[in-house]
N, C-alpha and C. Protein backbone atom coordinates (compact mmCIF):
# COMPACT_ATOMS: atom_id res chain seq x y z
N UNK A 1 -29.66 15.45 1.01
CA UNK A 1 -30.21 16.03 2.25
C UNK A 1 -31.59 16.58 1.98
N UNK A 2 -32.44 16.58 3.04
CA UNK A 2 -33.73 17.21 2.88
C UNK A 2 -33.61 18.70 3.10
N UNK A 3 -34.70 19.43 2.82
CA UNK A 3 -34.64 20.89 2.88
C UNK A 3 -34.36 21.39 4.29
N UNK A 4 -34.86 20.67 5.31
CA UNK A 4 -34.62 21.09 6.68
C UNK A 4 -33.13 21.03 7.01
N UNK A 5 -32.48 19.91 6.62
CA UNK A 5 -31.05 19.78 6.86
C UNK A 5 -30.27 20.80 6.04
N UNK A 6 -30.67 21.01 4.78
CA UNK A 6 -30.01 22.00 3.95
C UNK A 6 -30.06 23.38 4.59
N UNK A 7 -31.23 23.76 5.10
CA UNK A 7 -31.40 25.07 5.69
C UNK A 7 -30.52 25.23 6.93
N UNK A 8 -30.54 24.25 7.80
CA UNK A 8 -29.72 24.32 9.01
C UNK A 8 -28.23 24.41 8.65
N UNK A 9 -27.81 23.61 7.68
CA UNK A 9 -26.40 23.62 7.28
C UNK A 9 -26.01 24.96 6.67
N UNK A 10 -26.84 25.48 5.78
CA UNK A 10 -26.52 26.76 5.13
C UNK A 10 -26.37 27.87 6.16
N UNK A 11 -27.36 28.01 7.04
CA UNK A 11 -27.33 29.13 7.99
C UNK A 11 -26.29 28.94 9.08
N UNK A 12 -26.01 27.71 9.46
CA UNK A 12 -24.94 27.49 10.43
C UNK A 12 -23.61 27.91 9.82
N UNK A 13 -23.36 27.53 8.58
CA UNK A 13 -22.13 27.95 7.91
C UNK A 13 -22.09 29.46 7.73
N UNK A 14 -23.24 30.05 7.40
CA UNK A 14 -23.31 31.49 7.19
C UNK A 14 -22.91 32.24 8.45
N UNK A 15 -23.49 31.87 9.59
CA UNK A 15 -23.20 32.61 10.82
C UNK A 15 -21.83 32.28 11.38
N UNK A 16 -21.34 31.09 11.11
CA UNK A 16 -19.97 30.76 11.54
C UNK A 16 -18.96 31.67 10.84
N UNK A 17 -19.22 31.99 9.57
CA UNK A 17 -18.31 32.86 8.80
C UNK A 17 -18.51 34.33 9.10
N UNK A 18 -19.68 34.71 9.58
CA UNK A 18 -20.03 36.11 9.75
C UNK A 18 -19.53 36.64 11.08
N UNK A 19 -19.02 37.87 11.08
CA UNK A 19 -18.57 38.49 12.32
C UNK A 19 -19.73 38.57 13.31
N UNK A 20 -19.45 38.30 14.56
CA UNK A 20 -20.51 38.23 15.57
C UNK A 20 -21.17 39.58 15.80
N UNK A 21 -20.52 40.68 15.42
CA UNK A 21 -21.11 42.01 15.62
C UNK A 21 -22.14 42.36 14.55
N UNK A 22 -22.12 41.65 13.42
CA UNK A 22 -23.03 41.97 12.33
C UNK A 22 -24.46 41.57 12.70
N UNK A 23 -25.41 42.48 12.46
CA UNK A 23 -26.80 42.17 12.72
C UNK A 23 -27.21 42.30 14.17
N UNK A 24 -26.46 43.06 14.96
CA UNK A 24 -26.80 43.22 16.37
C UNK A 24 -27.50 44.55 16.65
N UNK A 25 -27.75 45.34 15.61
CA UNK A 25 -28.57 46.54 15.76
C UNK A 25 -29.95 46.26 15.16
N UNK A 26 -30.98 46.94 15.65
CA UNK A 26 -32.33 46.62 15.18
C UNK A 26 -32.58 47.10 13.77
N UNK A 27 -33.47 46.43 13.09
CA UNK A 27 -33.94 46.90 11.79
C UNK A 27 -34.67 48.21 11.99
N UNK A 28 -34.27 49.24 11.24
CA UNK A 28 -34.84 50.58 11.45
C UNK A 28 -36.33 50.63 11.16
N UNK A 29 -36.78 49.86 10.17
CA UNK A 29 -38.20 49.84 9.83
C UNK A 29 -38.99 49.21 10.97
N UNK A 30 -38.51 48.09 11.48
CA UNK A 30 -39.18 47.44 12.59
C UNK A 30 -39.25 48.38 13.80
N UNK A 31 -38.14 49.04 14.10
CA UNK A 31 -38.10 49.93 15.25
C UNK A 31 -39.14 51.04 15.12
N UNK A 32 -39.26 51.60 13.93
CA UNK A 32 -40.25 52.67 13.74
C UNK A 32 -41.67 52.14 13.88
N UNK A 33 -41.93 50.97 13.32
CA UNK A 33 -43.27 50.39 13.39
C UNK A 33 -43.66 50.06 14.82
N UNK A 34 -42.76 49.45 15.56
CA UNK A 34 -43.06 49.08 16.93
C UNK A 34 -43.25 50.33 17.78
N UNK A 35 -42.38 51.30 17.61
CA UNK A 35 -42.50 52.54 18.39
C UNK A 35 -43.82 53.24 18.12
N UNK A 36 -44.25 53.22 16.86
CA UNK A 36 -45.47 53.91 16.48
C UNK A 36 -46.73 53.11 16.76
N UNK A 37 -46.68 51.82 16.45
CA UNK A 37 -47.89 51.00 16.46
C UNK A 37 -48.04 50.09 17.67
N UNK A 38 -46.95 49.82 18.38
CA UNK A 38 -47.01 48.91 19.53
C UNK A 38 -46.12 49.43 20.65
N UNK A 39 -46.43 50.60 21.16
CA UNK A 39 -45.55 51.21 22.17
C UNK A 39 -45.58 50.51 23.52
N UNK A 40 -46.63 49.73 23.80
CA UNK A 40 -46.72 49.04 25.08
C UNK A 40 -46.14 47.63 24.94
N UNK A 41 -45.08 47.31 25.67
CA UNK A 41 -44.45 46.00 25.49
C UNK A 41 -45.30 44.86 25.99
N UNK A 42 -45.09 43.70 25.39
CA UNK A 42 -45.76 42.47 25.79
C UNK A 42 -44.89 41.30 25.41
N UNK A 43 -45.50 40.25 24.86
CA UNK A 43 -44.77 39.08 24.40
C UNK A 43 -44.52 39.19 22.90
N UNK A 44 -43.28 38.94 22.48
CA UNK A 44 -42.90 39.07 21.07
C UNK A 44 -42.27 37.77 20.57
N UNK A 45 -42.45 37.52 19.29
CA UNK A 45 -41.84 36.38 18.61
C UNK A 45 -41.08 36.90 17.41
N UNK A 46 -39.77 36.63 17.39
CA UNK A 46 -38.88 37.08 16.31
C UNK A 46 -38.53 35.86 15.47
N UNK A 47 -38.99 35.84 14.21
CA UNK A 47 -38.78 34.71 13.32
C UNK A 47 -37.48 34.89 12.54
N UNK A 48 -36.57 33.93 12.64
CA UNK A 48 -35.29 34.05 11.95
C UNK A 48 -34.48 35.20 12.52
N UNK A 49 -34.16 35.12 13.81
CA UNK A 49 -33.62 36.28 14.53
C UNK A 49 -32.17 36.60 14.19
N UNK A 50 -31.43 35.67 13.58
CA UNK A 50 -30.03 35.94 13.28
C UNK A 50 -29.25 36.24 14.55
N UNK A 51 -28.45 37.31 14.52
CA UNK A 51 -27.65 37.67 15.69
C UNK A 51 -28.45 38.46 16.73
N UNK A 52 -29.75 38.67 16.48
CA UNK A 52 -30.60 39.16 17.54
C UNK A 52 -30.76 40.66 17.64
N UNK A 53 -30.44 41.40 16.59
CA UNK A 53 -30.58 42.85 16.67
C UNK A 53 -31.97 43.29 17.07
N UNK A 54 -32.98 42.71 16.43
CA UNK A 54 -34.37 43.08 16.75
C UNK A 54 -34.75 42.59 18.14
N UNK A 55 -34.42 41.35 18.45
CA UNK A 55 -34.80 40.76 19.74
C UNK A 55 -34.20 41.54 20.90
N UNK A 56 -32.92 41.88 20.79
CA UNK A 56 -32.26 42.62 21.87
C UNK A 56 -32.86 44.00 22.03
N UNK A 57 -33.14 44.67 20.91
CA UNK A 57 -33.75 46.00 20.97
C UNK A 57 -35.12 45.94 21.64
N UNK A 58 -35.92 44.97 21.25
CA UNK A 58 -37.24 44.82 21.86
C UNK A 58 -37.12 44.56 23.36
N UNK A 59 -36.20 43.71 23.74
CA UNK A 59 -36.05 43.37 25.16
C UNK A 59 -35.63 44.58 25.98
N UNK A 60 -34.78 45.44 25.44
CA UNK A 60 -34.37 46.63 26.18
C UNK A 60 -35.53 47.59 26.38
N UNK A 61 -36.60 47.40 25.61
CA UNK A 61 -37.79 48.24 25.75
C UNK A 61 -38.92 47.53 26.49
N UNK A 62 -38.57 46.44 27.13
CA UNK A 62 -39.51 45.78 28.02
C UNK A 62 -40.24 44.58 27.45
N UNK A 63 -40.01 44.26 26.17
CA UNK A 63 -40.67 43.11 25.57
C UNK A 63 -40.04 41.81 26.08
N UNK A 64 -40.87 40.78 26.21
CA UNK A 64 -40.41 39.43 26.50
C UNK A 64 -40.36 38.69 25.16
N UNK A 65 -39.16 38.34 24.70
CA UNK A 65 -38.96 37.95 23.31
C UNK A 65 -38.53 36.49 23.18
N UNK A 66 -39.28 35.74 22.40
CA UNK A 66 -38.84 34.43 21.94
C UNK A 66 -38.14 34.64 20.60
N UNK A 67 -36.84 34.34 20.56
CA UNK A 67 -36.02 34.60 19.38
C UNK A 67 -35.68 33.26 18.72
N UNK A 68 -36.23 33.02 17.53
CA UNK A 68 -36.05 31.73 16.87
C UNK A 68 -35.07 31.83 15.72
N UNK A 69 -34.33 30.76 15.52
CA UNK A 69 -33.47 30.63 14.35
C UNK A 69 -33.15 29.15 14.16
N UNK A 70 -32.73 28.81 12.94
CA UNK A 70 -32.35 27.44 12.64
C UNK A 70 -30.87 27.20 12.92
N UNK A 71 -30.12 28.27 13.22
CA UNK A 71 -28.69 28.18 13.47
C UNK A 71 -28.39 28.24 14.96
N UNK A 72 -27.76 27.21 15.49
CA UNK A 72 -27.37 27.20 16.90
C UNK A 72 -26.32 28.26 17.19
N UNK A 73 -25.42 28.50 16.23
CA UNK A 73 -24.40 29.53 16.43
C UNK A 73 -25.03 30.90 16.58
N UNK A 74 -26.01 31.21 15.73
CA UNK A 74 -26.69 32.50 15.85
C UNK A 74 -27.36 32.63 17.21
N UNK A 75 -28.01 31.58 17.66
CA UNK A 75 -28.71 31.64 18.94
C UNK A 75 -27.75 31.76 20.12
N UNK A 76 -26.59 31.13 20.03
CA UNK A 76 -25.57 31.29 21.08
C UNK A 76 -25.14 32.75 21.16
N UNK A 77 -25.03 33.40 20.02
CA UNK A 77 -24.62 34.80 20.01
C UNK A 77 -25.73 35.70 20.52
N UNK A 78 -26.98 35.34 20.23
CA UNK A 78 -28.11 36.09 20.79
C UNK A 78 -28.08 36.00 22.32
N UNK A 79 -27.88 34.80 22.84
CA UNK A 79 -27.84 34.62 24.29
C UNK A 79 -26.70 35.43 24.91
N UNK A 80 -25.54 35.43 24.26
CA UNK A 80 -24.41 36.20 24.77
C UNK A 80 -24.71 37.69 24.73
N UNK A 81 -25.35 38.14 23.64
CA UNK A 81 -25.72 39.55 23.53
C UNK A 81 -26.73 39.96 24.58
N UNK A 82 -27.68 39.09 24.85
CA UNK A 82 -28.69 39.38 25.87
C UNK A 82 -28.05 39.49 27.25
N UNK A 83 -27.11 38.59 27.52
CA UNK A 83 -26.41 38.63 28.80
C UNK A 83 -25.60 39.93 28.93
N UNK A 84 -24.90 40.29 27.87
CA UNK A 84 -24.07 41.50 27.91
C UNK A 84 -24.91 42.76 28.03
N UNK A 85 -26.13 42.72 27.48
CA UNK A 85 -27.01 43.89 27.49
C UNK A 85 -27.85 43.96 28.75
N UNK A 86 -27.83 42.91 29.54
CA UNK A 86 -28.59 42.89 30.77
C UNK A 86 -30.05 42.54 30.60
N UNK A 87 -30.38 41.84 29.50
CA UNK A 87 -31.78 41.49 29.25
C UNK A 87 -31.95 39.98 29.06
N UNK A 88 -31.05 39.20 29.64
CA UNK A 88 -31.12 37.75 29.46
C UNK A 88 -32.42 37.16 29.98
N UNK A 89 -33.04 37.83 30.96
CA UNK A 89 -34.29 37.32 31.50
C UNK A 89 -35.47 37.56 30.57
N UNK A 90 -35.28 38.41 29.53
CA UNK A 90 -36.38 38.73 28.62
C UNK A 90 -36.13 38.25 27.19
N UNK A 91 -35.04 37.56 26.94
CA UNK A 91 -34.74 37.02 25.62
C UNK A 91 -34.60 35.50 25.74
N UNK A 92 -35.42 34.79 24.95
CA UNK A 92 -35.45 33.34 25.04
C UNK A 92 -35.10 32.74 23.68
N UNK A 93 -33.81 32.43 23.43
CA UNK A 93 -33.42 31.82 22.17
C UNK A 93 -34.06 30.44 22.02
N UNK A 94 -34.57 30.17 20.82
CA UNK A 94 -35.28 28.91 20.59
C UNK A 94 -34.90 28.37 19.21
N UNK A 95 -34.32 27.17 19.19
CA UNK A 95 -33.89 26.55 17.94
C UNK A 95 -35.09 25.94 17.24
N UNK A 96 -35.42 26.46 16.07
CA UNK A 96 -36.54 25.94 15.29
C UNK A 96 -36.21 25.97 13.81
N UNK A 97 -36.48 24.89 13.11
CA UNK A 97 -36.69 24.96 11.68
C UNK A 97 -38.18 25.20 11.51
N UNK A 98 -38.55 26.42 11.18
CA UNK A 98 -39.95 26.83 11.21
C UNK A 98 -40.81 26.10 10.19
N UNK A 99 -40.19 25.38 9.28
CA UNK A 99 -40.97 24.55 8.36
C UNK A 99 -41.43 23.27 9.04
N UNK A 100 -40.88 22.99 10.23
CA UNK A 100 -41.21 21.74 10.92
C UNK A 100 -41.78 21.96 12.32
N UNK A 101 -41.22 22.89 13.05
CA UNK A 101 -41.69 23.18 14.41
C UNK A 101 -41.89 24.67 14.57
N UNK A 102 -42.79 25.02 15.48
CA UNK A 102 -43.13 26.43 15.66
C UNK A 102 -43.34 26.67 17.15
N UNK A 103 -42.88 27.82 17.66
CA UNK A 103 -43.05 28.10 19.09
C UNK A 103 -44.52 28.12 19.49
N UNK A 104 -44.80 27.59 20.65
CA UNK A 104 -46.18 27.55 21.15
C UNK A 104 -46.56 28.89 21.77
N UNK A 105 -47.85 29.16 21.81
CA UNK A 105 -48.34 30.34 22.50
C UNK A 105 -48.81 31.43 21.57
N UNK A 106 -49.40 32.46 22.18
CA UNK A 106 -49.84 33.65 21.46
C UNK A 106 -48.93 34.82 21.81
N UNK A 107 -48.78 35.72 20.85
CA UNK A 107 -47.83 36.81 21.02
C UNK A 107 -48.48 38.14 20.64
N UNK A 108 -48.07 39.19 21.35
CA UNK A 108 -48.57 40.54 21.06
C UNK A 108 -47.88 41.14 19.84
N UNK A 109 -46.73 40.60 19.51
CA UNK A 109 -45.98 41.04 18.33
C UNK A 109 -45.30 39.83 17.72
N UNK A 110 -45.52 39.62 16.43
CA UNK A 110 -44.79 38.60 15.67
C UNK A 110 -44.13 39.30 14.51
N UNK A 111 -42.81 39.14 14.37
CA UNK A 111 -42.09 39.85 13.31
C UNK A 111 -41.24 38.90 12.50
N UNK A 112 -41.19 39.17 11.21
CA UNK A 112 -40.32 38.44 10.28
C UNK A 112 -39.60 39.48 9.45
N UNK A 113 -38.38 39.81 9.84
CA UNK A 113 -37.60 40.79 9.10
C UNK A 113 -36.54 40.07 8.27
N UNK A 114 -36.64 40.23 6.96
CA UNK A 114 -35.73 39.60 6.00
C UNK A 114 -35.68 38.08 6.21
N UNK A 115 -36.86 37.50 6.29
CA UNK A 115 -36.99 36.05 6.44
C UNK A 115 -36.86 35.42 5.06
N UNK A 116 -35.63 35.46 4.54
CA UNK A 116 -35.33 34.93 3.22
C UNK A 116 -34.27 33.83 3.34
N UNK A 117 -34.24 32.94 2.38
CA UNK A 117 -33.23 31.88 2.37
C UNK A 117 -33.04 31.38 0.94
N UNK A 118 -31.82 31.00 0.57
CA UNK A 118 -31.61 30.40 -0.76
C UNK A 118 -32.08 28.96 -0.82
N UNK A 119 -32.41 28.40 0.33
CA UNK A 119 -32.92 27.03 0.38
C UNK A 119 -34.42 27.08 0.13
N UNK A 120 -34.91 26.18 -0.70
CA UNK A 120 -36.33 26.16 -1.00
C UNK A 120 -37.12 25.67 0.21
N UNK A 121 -37.96 26.56 0.75
CA UNK A 121 -38.82 26.22 1.87
C UNK A 121 -40.22 26.75 1.58
N UNK A 122 -41.23 26.25 2.27
CA UNK A 122 -42.60 26.77 2.10
C UNK A 122 -42.76 28.08 2.89
N UNK A 123 -42.08 29.12 2.44
CA UNK A 123 -42.03 30.38 3.19
C UNK A 123 -43.41 30.97 3.41
N UNK A 124 -44.25 30.95 2.38
CA UNK A 124 -45.59 31.52 2.52
C UNK A 124 -46.38 30.80 3.60
N UNK A 125 -46.26 29.48 3.66
CA UNK A 125 -46.97 28.72 4.67
C UNK A 125 -46.45 29.04 6.07
N UNK A 126 -45.14 29.25 6.19
CA UNK A 126 -44.57 29.60 7.49
C UNK A 126 -45.12 30.95 7.96
N UNK A 127 -45.17 31.93 7.06
CA UNK A 127 -45.69 33.24 7.43
C UNK A 127 -47.18 33.18 7.76
N UNK A 128 -47.91 32.37 7.00
CA UNK A 128 -49.33 32.20 7.32
C UNK A 128 -49.50 31.57 8.70
N UNK A 129 -48.68 30.58 9.00
CA UNK A 129 -48.72 29.97 10.34
C UNK A 129 -48.40 31.01 11.40
N UNK A 130 -47.48 31.90 11.10
CA UNK A 130 -47.09 32.93 12.06
C UNK A 130 -48.26 33.85 12.40
N UNK A 131 -49.10 34.16 11.43
CA UNK A 131 -50.24 35.03 11.71
C UNK A 131 -51.17 34.41 12.74
N UNK A 132 -51.20 33.10 12.80
CA UNK A 132 -52.08 32.41 13.73
C UNK A 132 -51.58 32.51 15.17
N UNK A 133 -50.34 32.97 15.34
CA UNK A 133 -49.77 33.12 16.68
C UNK A 133 -49.94 34.53 17.23
N UNK A 134 -50.56 35.41 16.46
CA UNK A 134 -50.77 36.78 16.92
C UNK A 134 -52.01 36.83 17.80
N UNK A 135 -51.86 37.38 18.99
CA UNK A 135 -52.99 37.51 19.92
C UNK A 135 -53.92 38.62 19.45
N UNK A 136 -55.19 38.58 19.81
CA UNK A 136 -56.10 39.68 19.49
C UNK A 136 -55.54 41.01 19.98
N UNK A 137 -55.56 41.99 19.09
CA UNK A 137 -54.97 43.29 19.39
C UNK A 137 -53.50 43.37 19.05
N UNK A 138 -52.90 42.23 18.73
CA UNK A 138 -51.47 42.18 18.46
C UNK A 138 -51.12 42.59 17.04
N UNK A 139 -49.81 42.68 16.78
CA UNK A 139 -49.28 43.19 15.52
C UNK A 139 -48.44 42.12 14.83
N UNK A 140 -48.61 42.00 13.53
CA UNK A 140 -47.80 41.11 12.70
C UNK A 140 -47.04 41.97 11.71
N UNK A 141 -45.72 41.83 11.68
CA UNK A 141 -44.87 42.68 10.84
C UNK A 141 -44.01 41.80 9.93
N UNK A 142 -44.04 42.12 8.65
CA UNK A 142 -43.13 41.51 7.67
C UNK A 142 -42.35 42.65 7.02
N UNK A 143 -41.03 42.58 7.10
CA UNK A 143 -40.15 43.48 6.35
C UNK A 143 -39.26 42.58 5.50
N UNK A 144 -39.32 42.74 4.19
CA UNK A 144 -38.58 41.84 3.32
C UNK A 144 -37.95 42.59 2.16
N UNK A 145 -36.95 41.96 1.58
CA UNK A 145 -36.25 42.56 0.45
C UNK A 145 -37.17 42.66 -0.76
N UNK A 146 -37.14 43.82 -1.41
CA UNK A 146 -37.83 43.99 -2.69
C UNK A 146 -36.85 44.44 -3.77
N UNK A 147 -35.56 44.32 -3.46
CA UNK A 147 -34.49 44.57 -4.43
C UNK A 147 -33.25 43.84 -3.93
N UNK A 148 -32.23 43.76 -4.75
CA UNK A 148 -31.02 43.02 -4.41
C UNK A 148 -29.91 44.01 -4.04
N UNK A 149 -29.41 43.92 -2.82
CA UNK A 149 -28.26 44.73 -2.42
C UNK A 149 -26.99 44.13 -3.01
N UNK A 150 -25.96 44.94 -3.26
CA UNK A 150 -24.73 44.42 -3.88
C UNK A 150 -24.06 43.32 -3.08
N UNK A 151 -24.27 43.29 -1.77
CA UNK A 151 -23.61 42.29 -0.92
C UNK A 151 -24.49 41.08 -0.62
N UNK A 152 -25.68 41.06 -1.18
CA UNK A 152 -26.63 39.98 -0.91
C UNK A 152 -26.16 38.66 -1.50
N UNK A 153 -26.59 37.55 -0.87
CA UNK A 153 -26.33 36.24 -1.47
C UNK A 153 -27.09 36.07 -2.79
N UNK A 154 -28.03 37.00 -3.08
CA UNK A 154 -28.74 36.98 -4.35
C UNK A 154 -28.07 37.85 -5.42
N UNK A 155 -26.99 38.53 -5.05
CA UNK A 155 -26.40 39.50 -5.97
C UNK A 155 -25.96 38.87 -7.28
N UNK A 156 -25.46 37.63 -7.22
CA UNK A 156 -25.00 36.98 -8.44
C UNK A 156 -26.16 36.52 -9.33
N UNK A 157 -27.40 36.69 -8.81
CA UNK A 157 -28.57 36.35 -9.61
C UNK A 157 -29.24 37.59 -10.21
N UNK A 158 -28.69 38.77 -9.91
CA UNK A 158 -29.35 40.01 -10.32
C UNK A 158 -29.57 40.09 -11.82
N UNK A 159 -28.59 39.55 -12.60
CA UNK A 159 -28.74 39.62 -14.04
C UNK A 159 -29.72 38.56 -14.56
N UNK A 160 -30.27 37.75 -13.63
CA UNK A 160 -31.27 36.75 -14.01
C UNK A 160 -32.68 37.23 -13.68
N UNK A 161 -32.81 38.53 -13.38
CA UNK A 161 -34.11 39.15 -13.13
C UNK A 161 -34.83 38.46 -11.98
N UNK A 162 -34.23 38.57 -10.79
CA UNK A 162 -34.83 38.01 -9.60
C UNK A 162 -36.21 38.64 -9.40
N UNK A 163 -37.20 37.78 -9.16
CA UNK A 163 -38.57 38.27 -9.01
C UNK A 163 -38.83 38.63 -7.55
N UNK A 164 -39.41 39.81 -7.36
CA UNK A 164 -39.85 40.22 -6.03
C UNK A 164 -41.34 40.53 -6.09
N UNK A 165 -42.12 39.95 -5.21
CA UNK A 165 -43.55 40.25 -5.19
C UNK A 165 -43.79 41.68 -4.71
N UNK A 166 -44.93 42.22 -5.04
CA UNK A 166 -45.33 43.52 -4.50
C UNK A 166 -45.81 43.33 -3.07
N UNK A 167 -45.88 44.40 -2.28
CA UNK A 167 -46.43 44.23 -0.92
C UNK A 167 -47.87 43.74 -0.94
N UNK A 168 -48.62 44.14 -1.95
CA UNK A 168 -50.00 43.65 -2.08
C UNK A 168 -50.02 42.14 -2.34
N UNK A 169 -49.07 41.65 -3.14
CA UNK A 169 -48.95 40.21 -3.36
C UNK A 169 -48.67 39.48 -2.05
N UNK A 170 -47.74 40.04 -1.27
CA UNK A 170 -47.39 39.42 0.01
C UNK A 170 -48.59 39.39 0.94
N UNK A 171 -49.29 40.51 1.00
CA UNK A 171 -50.48 40.58 1.85
C UNK A 171 -51.50 39.53 1.44
N UNK A 172 -51.75 39.39 0.15
CA UNK A 172 -52.71 38.40 -0.33
C UNK A 172 -52.26 36.98 0.02
N UNK A 173 -50.95 36.74 -0.04
CA UNK A 173 -50.45 35.39 0.23
C UNK A 173 -50.62 34.98 1.69
N UNK A 174 -50.75 35.95 2.58
CA UNK A 174 -50.90 35.64 4.00
C UNK A 174 -52.27 35.06 4.31
N UNK A 175 -53.27 35.37 3.48
CA UNK A 175 -54.61 34.81 3.61
C UNK A 175 -55.16 35.00 5.03
N UNK A 176 -55.07 36.23 5.52
CA UNK A 176 -55.51 36.46 6.90
C UNK A 176 -57.02 36.57 7.04
N UNK A 177 -57.73 36.94 5.98
CA UNK A 177 -59.19 37.01 6.04
C UNK A 177 -59.68 38.17 6.89
N UNK A 178 -60.87 38.01 7.43
CA UNK A 178 -61.44 39.06 8.27
C UNK A 178 -60.74 39.10 9.63
N UNK A 179 -60.97 40.18 10.34
CA UNK A 179 -60.41 40.28 11.68
C UNK A 179 -59.03 40.88 11.73
N UNK A 180 -58.62 41.54 10.64
CA UNK A 180 -57.31 42.18 10.59
C UNK A 180 -57.44 43.59 10.03
N UNK A 181 -56.61 44.50 10.54
CA UNK A 181 -56.56 45.87 10.03
C UNK A 181 -55.18 46.12 9.45
N UNK A 182 -55.13 46.65 8.24
CA UNK A 182 -53.86 46.95 7.57
C UNK A 182 -53.30 48.26 8.11
N UNK A 183 -52.18 48.18 8.80
CA UNK A 183 -51.50 49.38 9.29
C UNK A 183 -50.49 49.92 8.26
N UNK A 184 -49.80 49.03 7.58
CA UNK A 184 -48.84 49.41 6.55
C UNK A 184 -48.87 48.36 5.44
N UNK A 185 -48.75 48.80 4.21
CA UNK A 185 -48.57 47.89 3.07
C UNK A 185 -47.98 48.72 1.94
N UNK A 186 -46.65 48.81 1.92
CA UNK A 186 -45.99 49.66 0.92
C UNK A 186 -44.57 49.17 0.70
N UNK A 187 -43.86 49.83 -0.20
CA UNK A 187 -42.49 49.41 -0.56
C UNK A 187 -41.57 50.63 -0.60
N UNK A 188 -41.16 51.13 0.56
CA UNK A 188 -40.28 52.31 0.60
C UNK A 188 -38.84 51.97 0.26
N UNK A 189 -38.11 52.99 -0.16
CA UNK A 189 -36.67 52.88 -0.37
C UNK A 189 -35.94 53.33 0.90
N UNK A 190 -34.72 52.82 1.06
CA UNK A 190 -33.89 53.26 2.18
C UNK A 190 -32.43 53.09 1.79
N UNK A 191 -31.54 53.69 2.54
CA UNK A 191 -30.11 53.48 2.36
C UNK A 191 -29.66 52.40 3.33
N UNK A 192 -29.13 51.33 2.77
CA UNK A 192 -28.70 50.19 3.58
C UNK A 192 -27.19 50.16 3.69
N UNK A 193 -26.70 49.58 4.78
CA UNK A 193 -25.27 49.43 5.02
C UNK A 193 -24.92 47.96 5.04
N UNK A 194 -23.91 47.56 4.26
CA UNK A 194 -23.50 46.17 4.16
C UNK A 194 -22.50 45.78 5.21
N UNK A 195 -22.09 44.52 5.24
CA UNK A 195 -21.21 44.00 6.29
C UNK A 195 -19.82 44.60 6.28
N UNK A 196 -19.40 45.19 5.16
CA UNK A 196 -18.09 45.85 5.09
C UNK A 196 -18.21 47.37 5.16
N UNK A 197 -19.40 47.86 5.54
CA UNK A 197 -19.61 49.29 5.66
C UNK A 197 -20.04 49.96 4.37
N UNK A 198 -20.22 49.20 3.30
CA UNK A 198 -20.65 49.78 2.03
C UNK A 198 -22.12 50.14 2.10
N UNK A 199 -22.55 51.09 1.29
CA UNK A 199 -23.95 51.52 1.31
C UNK A 199 -24.56 51.40 -0.09
N UNK A 200 -25.89 51.27 -0.11
CA UNK A 200 -26.63 51.20 -1.37
C UNK A 200 -28.09 51.54 -1.08
N UNK A 201 -28.77 52.05 -2.10
CA UNK A 201 -30.21 52.29 -1.99
C UNK A 201 -30.95 51.00 -2.32
N UNK A 202 -31.80 50.58 -1.42
CA UNK A 202 -32.56 49.33 -1.61
C UNK A 202 -34.03 49.61 -1.36
N UNK A 203 -34.86 48.65 -1.76
CA UNK A 203 -36.30 48.74 -1.56
C UNK A 203 -36.76 47.58 -0.68
N UNK A 204 -37.67 47.88 0.23
CA UNK A 204 -38.25 46.85 1.09
C UNK A 204 -39.75 46.76 0.84
N UNK A 205 -40.30 45.57 1.02
CA UNK A 205 -41.74 45.43 1.22
C UNK A 205 -42.00 45.49 2.72
N UNK A 206 -42.96 46.32 3.10
CA UNK A 206 -43.30 46.48 4.52
C UNK A 206 -44.79 46.22 4.69
N UNK A 207 -45.12 45.22 5.49
CA UNK A 207 -46.50 44.88 5.79
C UNK A 207 -46.66 44.83 7.30
N UNK A 208 -47.60 45.58 7.81
CA UNK A 208 -47.91 45.55 9.25
C UNK A 208 -49.41 45.40 9.40
N UNK A 209 -49.83 44.36 10.10
CA UNK A 209 -51.24 44.04 10.27
C UNK A 209 -51.60 43.95 11.74
N UNK A 210 -52.75 44.50 12.10
CA UNK A 210 -53.26 44.43 13.46
C UNK A 210 -54.39 43.40 13.52
N UNK A 211 -54.27 42.45 14.43
CA UNK A 211 -55.36 41.49 14.60
C UNK A 211 -56.45 42.12 15.46
N UNK A 212 -57.63 42.18 14.95
CA UNK A 212 -58.73 42.85 15.65
C UNK A 212 -59.70 41.87 16.29
N UNK A 213 -59.64 40.60 15.91
CA UNK A 213 -60.53 39.58 16.48
C UNK A 213 -59.73 38.43 17.06
């Protein structure tokens, strides 16, 4: 199989096995960044939305959200969640393998929270492409793992010294050039909760950039 098929198969199987309630609350880091840095709602693009926690939260605050994922099961659950929450008119599930197709248009907010996969993909290129979809004045947010949680699919690799880039490395890889203002670029710790209710201290890379041109 090619990487696109591998990715779709992996994530479809992942979400089929995962309880539909998991991942339906917003990422706390994203929520704080949006509340602080982008309080006025507009058009948002959620990359790798999963069960839609971020997309649904944004929609309840007035954002018009294109929610993308490679898993049809995940997107069906996002649509059901949007309907149940009363925001179906502001959440637009979109099936994309972002290594091949990308949503059209410009967005006031583009976010990639935990856009990780065990399948080899050109992740850096996808994120760079995402920056090109940010409208002038808009915000680009990346929140990613900088450590391995005990319940992660990477947990069995922890003794193999999994490499995590620094936030500065991630920022450099985006190659945004001039016309951007750095709002956040750091690696804070937080207490995370796993799918069985277990908790652990983890580290995230957090990058938030404002497009100024």
